[in-house]
Protein backbone atom coordinates (compact mmCIF):
# COMPACT_ATOMS: atom_id res chain seq x y z
CA MET A 1 -10.34 146.22 61.64
CA SER A 2 -6.47 146.64 61.48
CA THR A 3 -4.54 145.85 57.97
CA GLU A 4 -1.17 145.10 60.17
CA THR A 5 0.22 141.61 59.32
CA ASP A 6 2.04 139.45 62.45
CA GLU A 7 5.53 138.93 60.31
CA GLY A 8 6.12 135.60 62.43
CA THR A 9 2.54 134.26 61.27
CA ALA A 10 1.87 135.69 57.56
CA GLY A 11 1.93 134.00 54.79
CA PRO A 12 4.91 132.95 52.42
CA THR A 13 5.58 135.59 49.47
CA ILE A 14 7.25 135.10 46.30
CA ALA A 15 9.06 137.73 44.26
CA PRO A 16 7.70 138.68 41.30
CA GLY A 17 8.28 136.31 38.94
CA GLU A 18 9.82 134.01 41.12
CA THR A 19 8.13 130.49 41.48
CA GLY A 20 9.19 127.65 43.59
CA GLY A 21 10.39 125.94 40.75
CA GLY A 22 14.20 127.02 39.57
CA GLU A 23 17.22 127.11 41.72
CA ARG A 24 17.00 130.76 42.78
CA GLY A 25 13.40 130.20 43.93
CA PHE A 26 14.26 126.72 45.78
CA GLY A 27 16.85 128.89 48.07
CA THR A 28 14.22 131.72 48.58
CA ASP A 29 11.97 129.25 49.30
CA VAL A 30 14.05 127.80 51.93
CA TRP A 31 14.89 131.08 53.49
CA VAL A 32 11.42 132.14 53.77
CA ASN A 33 10.27 128.95 55.79
CA PHE A 34 13.72 129.03 57.46
CA LYS A 35 12.80 132.73 58.91
CA ARG A 36 9.59 132.38 59.56
CA TRP A 37 9.51 129.41 61.76
CA ASN A 38 12.54 130.89 63.88
CA LEU A 39 10.32 133.95 64.23
CA LYS A 40 7.44 132.03 65.37
CA ALA A 41 9.94 130.08 67.86
CA VAL A 42 11.23 133.25 69.24
CA ARG A 43 8.13 134.80 70.06
CA ASN A 44 7.25 131.35 71.81
CA PRO A 45 9.96 131.39 74.67
CA PHE A 46 7.95 127.82 76.03
CA VAL A 47 8.74 126.27 72.51
CA LEU A 48 12.90 127.14 73.08
CA THR A 49 12.47 125.62 76.80
CA ALA A 50 9.61 123.05 76.99
CA SER A 51 12.23 120.25 75.32
CA LEU A 52 15.04 121.49 77.60
CA ILE A 53 12.97 120.66 80.80
CA GLN A 54 12.80 116.86 80.75
CA PRO A 55 16.49 116.18 79.85
CA VAL A 56 18.16 118.74 82.15
CA VAL A 57 16.30 116.75 85.28
CA PHE A 58 17.27 113.61 83.81
CA LEU A 59 20.77 114.46 83.64
CA VAL A 60 20.91 116.06 86.67
CA LEU A 61 19.21 113.51 89.11
CA PHE A 62 20.65 110.55 87.53
CA THR A 63 23.86 111.84 87.89
CA GLN A 64 23.42 112.87 91.37
CA VAL A 65 21.29 110.10 92.64
CA PHE A 66 22.57 107.05 90.30
CA GLY A 67 25.85 108.40 90.03
CA ARG A 68 28.10 106.50 92.31
CA VAL A 69 26.73 103.25 91.69
CA ALA A 70 26.57 103.34 88.40
CA THR A 71 30.27 104.62 87.83
CA GLY A 72 30.97 100.88 89.55
CA ALA A 73 28.67 98.85 87.16
CA ILE A 74 29.76 100.62 83.59
CA SER A 75 33.85 100.49 84.89
CA ARG A 76 33.83 96.91 85.59
CA GLY A 77 37.59 96.97 86.89
CA GLY A 78 38.69 98.61 84.10
CA ALA A 79 39.39 102.29 83.27
CA THR A 80 37.10 104.60 85.49
CA ILE A 81 34.77 106.09 83.31
CA THR A 82 32.62 108.72 85.43
CA TYR A 83 28.70 108.75 85.12
CA GLU A 84 28.57 111.85 84.08
CA SER A 85 30.44 111.42 80.88
CA PHE A 86 28.31 108.24 79.99
CA LEU A 87 25.53 109.46 80.27
CA LEU A 88 26.05 113.25 78.71
CA PRO A 89 25.88 111.92 74.91
CA ALA A 90 22.04 109.98 75.98
CA ILE A 91 21.02 113.56 77.29
CA VAL A 92 22.40 114.95 74.08
CA ILE A 93 20.45 112.47 71.52
CA GLN A 94 17.44 112.97 74.20
CA VAL A 95 17.17 116.67 73.70
CA SER A 96 17.25 115.54 69.74
CA LEU A 97 14.75 113.46 70.50
CA VAL A 98 12.40 115.67 72.60
CA ALA A 99 13.08 118.77 70.22
CA ALA A 100 12.51 116.78 67.55
CA ALA A 101 8.98 115.73 68.80
CA THR A 102 7.82 119.45 68.85
CA SER A 103 7.88 119.89 65.24
CA GLY A 104 4.61 118.28 64.20
CA ILE A 105 3.08 119.93 67.08
CA GLY A 106 4.45 123.50 65.13
CA LEU A 107 3.13 121.92 62.02
CA VAL A 108 -0.10 121.09 63.52
CA ASN A 109 -0.64 124.56 65.10
CA ASP A 110 -0.44 125.91 61.16
CA ILE A 111 -3.02 123.83 60.41
CA GLU A 112 -5.40 125.12 63.10
CA GLU A 113 -4.67 128.57 62.01
CA GLY A 114 -5.00 128.34 58.36
CA MET A 115 -1.34 129.07 57.76
CA PHE A 116 -0.78 125.60 56.14
CA GLU A 117 -3.63 126.02 53.62
CA LYS A 118 -1.85 129.33 52.37
CA VAL A 119 1.40 127.42 52.30
CA LEU A 120 -0.22 124.27 50.31
CA VAL A 121 -1.67 126.88 47.61
CA SER A 122 1.00 129.23 47.33
CA PRO A 123 3.70 128.06 44.45
CA MET A 124 6.70 126.96 47.28
CA ASN A 125 8.72 124.17 46.29
CA ARG A 126 7.47 121.33 49.15
CA ALA A 127 10.95 120.07 49.84
CA ALA A 128 11.98 123.23 50.53
CA VAL A 129 8.77 124.09 52.62
CA PHE A 130 10.01 120.93 54.51
CA LEU A 131 13.55 121.73 54.47
CA GLY A 132 13.35 125.58 55.69
CA LYS A 133 11.17 124.28 58.82
CA THR A 134 14.02 121.46 59.47
CA LEU A 135 16.79 123.66 58.97
CA ALA A 136 14.83 126.24 61.37
CA GLU A 137 14.54 123.23 64.38
CA MET A 138 17.90 121.93 63.90
CA LEU A 139 19.12 125.90 64.58
CA ARG A 140 17.22 125.43 68.11
CA ILE A 141 18.22 121.67 68.95
CA THR A 142 22.12 123.19 68.20
CA VAL A 143 21.35 125.78 70.86
CA GLN A 144 20.03 123.23 73.30
CA ILE A 145 22.72 120.74 72.49
CA LEU A 146 25.25 123.30 73.20
CA ILE A 147 23.49 124.09 76.73
CA ILE A 148 23.44 120.50 77.61
CA LEU A 149 26.94 119.90 76.70
CA GLY A 150 28.21 123.08 79.22
CA LEU A 151 25.81 121.37 82.17
CA GLY A 152 27.39 117.86 81.48
CA VAL A 153 31.10 119.48 81.92
CA LEU A 154 29.71 121.83 84.71
CA LEU A 155 28.48 118.47 86.46
CA GLY A 156 31.99 117.08 86.15
CA ALA A 157 31.91 115.10 82.57
CA ASN A 158 34.72 115.12 80.36
CA VAL A 159 34.73 115.28 76.36
CA VAL A 160 38.35 113.81 75.60
CA THR A 161 38.00 115.28 72.12
CA GLY A 162 37.81 118.51 73.49
CA ILE A 163 35.50 121.47 71.78
CA GLY A 164 36.33 120.05 68.21
CA GLY A 165 34.48 117.00 69.58
CA ALA A 166 32.08 118.60 71.15
CA LEU A 167 30.66 120.42 68.07
CA ALA A 168 30.90 117.18 66.11
CA ILE A 169 28.76 115.95 68.95
CA VAL A 170 26.48 118.41 67.97
CA VAL A 171 26.41 117.43 64.42
CA VAL A 172 25.55 113.61 65.84
CA GLY A 173 22.25 115.58 67.62
CA ILE A 174 21.40 117.22 64.86
CA VAL A 175 22.06 114.26 62.34
CA PHE A 176 19.67 112.25 64.97
CA ALA A 177 16.86 114.78 64.73
CA GLY A 178 16.56 114.32 61.38
CA TRP A 179 14.51 111.24 60.93
CA PHE A 180 12.35 112.41 64.33
CA THR A 181 11.16 115.75 63.08
CA ALA A 182 10.40 113.95 59.64
CA PHE A 183 8.57 111.33 61.31
CA SER A 184 6.36 114.01 63.97
CA ASN A 185 5.51 115.98 60.90
CA VAL A 186 4.08 112.98 59.08
CA VAL A 187 2.27 111.89 62.11
CA ALA A 188 0.93 115.58 62.29
CA LEU A 189 -0.40 115.38 58.55
CA VAL A 190 -1.81 112.33 59.19
CA THR A 191 -3.64 113.47 62.49
CA ARG A 192 -3.99 117.17 61.88
CA ASP A 193 -4.74 117.28 65.66
CA GLN A 194 -2.67 118.67 68.27
CA GLU A 195 -3.38 116.23 71.01
CA SER A 196 -2.40 113.17 68.89
CA THR A 197 0.35 114.45 67.10
CA ILE A 198 1.85 114.87 70.94
CA ILE A 199 0.35 111.30 71.76
CA GLY A 200 1.87 110.20 68.61
CA ALA A 201 5.70 111.44 68.91
CA ASN A 202 6.13 111.21 72.56
CA ILE A 203 4.69 107.83 73.30
CA LEU A 204 7.66 106.39 71.51
CA GLN A 205 10.13 108.55 73.26
CA PHE A 206 10.94 106.78 76.71
CA PRO A 207 10.77 103.07 74.86
CA LEU A 208 13.70 104.62 72.71
CA LEU A 209 15.54 106.02 75.17
CA PHE A 210 15.52 102.63 77.79
CA VAL A 211 15.47 100.17 74.84
CA SER A 212 18.76 101.11 73.65
CA SER A 213 22.16 101.89 75.29
CA ALA A 214 21.63 105.58 76.62
CA PHE A 215 21.65 104.86 80.24
CA LEU A 216 23.64 101.14 80.61
CA PRO A 217 25.82 99.63 78.40
CA VAL A 218 24.25 97.10 76.52
CA GLU A 219 25.58 94.16 77.10
CA LEU A 220 24.58 94.73 80.89
CA LEU A 221 20.92 94.46 79.87
CA PRO A 222 18.78 91.85 79.31
CA ASP A 223 18.92 89.56 76.25
CA TRP A 224 15.93 90.55 74.56
CA ILE A 225 16.38 94.41 75.26
CA GLN A 226 20.25 94.23 73.46
CA ILE A 227 18.53 92.53 70.30
CA ILE A 228 16.18 95.52 70.32
CA SER A 229 18.43 97.77 70.95
CA ASP A 230 20.12 96.61 67.94
CA PHE A 231 17.55 97.92 65.49
CA ASN A 232 16.98 101.14 67.87
CA PRO A 233 18.08 104.47 66.05
CA VAL A 234 19.06 106.14 69.87
CA THR A 235 21.49 103.58 69.84
CA TYR A 236 23.62 104.63 66.97
CA GLY A 237 22.99 108.09 68.19
CA VAL A 238 24.40 107.65 71.80
CA ASN A 239 27.18 105.03 70.56
CA ALA A 240 28.84 108.16 68.16
CA ALA A 241 28.24 110.47 70.67
CA ARG A 242 29.41 108.58 73.53
CA THR A 243 32.73 107.60 70.99
CA LEU A 244 33.33 111.50 70.76
CA VAL A 245 33.28 111.80 74.75
CA ILE A 246 35.13 108.32 76.09
CA ASP A 247 37.34 106.87 73.43
CA GLY A 248 38.06 109.87 71.14
CA TRP A 249 38.31 110.30 67.55
CA VAL A 250 37.23 106.58 66.48
CA TRP A 251 36.02 106.61 63.24
CA GLN A 252 35.44 102.73 62.51
CA THR A 253 32.69 103.41 65.20
CA ILE A 254 31.37 107.07 64.58
CA LEU A 255 31.01 106.87 60.45
CA PRO A 256 28.91 103.59 60.48
CA ASN A 257 26.46 104.85 63.53
CA VAL A 258 26.31 108.45 61.61
CA GLY A 259 25.62 106.30 58.12
CA VAL A 260 22.77 104.50 59.68
CA LEU A 261 21.54 107.77 60.94
CA VAL A 262 21.98 110.15 57.60
CA GLY A 263 20.10 106.47 55.60
CA LEU A 264 17.14 107.52 58.19
CA ASP A 265 16.95 110.77 57.48
CA LEU A 266 16.57 110.59 53.83
CA VAL A 267 14.07 108.07 53.67
CA LEU A 268 11.66 109.56 56.51
CA GLY A 269 12.59 113.30 54.80
CA ALA A 270 11.74 111.88 51.65
CA PHE A 271 8.34 110.43 53.05
CA ALA A 272 7.35 113.59 54.69
CA VAL A 273 8.04 115.39 51.18
CA TYR A 274 5.57 112.92 49.63
CA MET A 275 3.03 113.78 52.75
CA LEU A 276 2.92 117.49 52.24
CA ASN A 277 2.73 116.50 48.17
CA ARG A 278 0.11 114.55 48.77
CA ALA A 279 -1.91 116.98 51.75
CA SER A 280 -0.85 119.80 48.40
CA SER A 281 -3.28 117.39 46.12
CA SER A 282 -5.75 117.08 48.57
CA GLU A 283 -6.53 120.48 49.26
CA VAL A 284 -6.35 121.61 45.25
CA GLN A 285 -9.36 118.67 45.07
């Protein structure tokens, strides 16, 4: 029987004398989990590309099929804004949304392979376990957002804030992804089933996107959708990114929208850590 261990699926190791507690232990725990989840992603190219397919299709088809009509609708006699520029921020947020949804699926795979139980019985800090996994997801999302931004520019979108604005859009996408990454992991911990996690995470994606400012200005939507969009996280992410693309560095618009997303990240991130701790307690019992 082979005694070799796959580094991408091996259990986390703690150096002698280290625990999941102190400052050094916390950083080590974050790094171990960050590296492990990146290795798993690299060894499964489908994970890296699957969440790009749908947004790329939306970006290409929407701009090519509806671009001319939509450009007239969003300009409404004012300064002409191309639909490519208007739509690009929405597709960035869609990439973040779809990629974040796959985070819970990865956790379910860990549960089914028995890896999750090894993590639970280790002395690793639960917040560090979640943070390391989340940082790995954010690295993947960063690469995907940069690809979408490049494709959008090739299709005719114009980011008025330039390279600095493009990097700021990446930050907005990462901040947006944080809360949904936490949500999909909570769904995975509750269901512990791949199909249920996929359904639970994906069932929200299209309603969140279409009942928001993603594809058309909110004022052009029915009144009931306008009301719902005010409470939709997608609207806050799209508004912040769209400001950077079309209006420039308008901080009085960017900061409040990003602030709402940071608040969601903290609340749902804390809940995800709580669920990890709860899962650890159940495993011990």
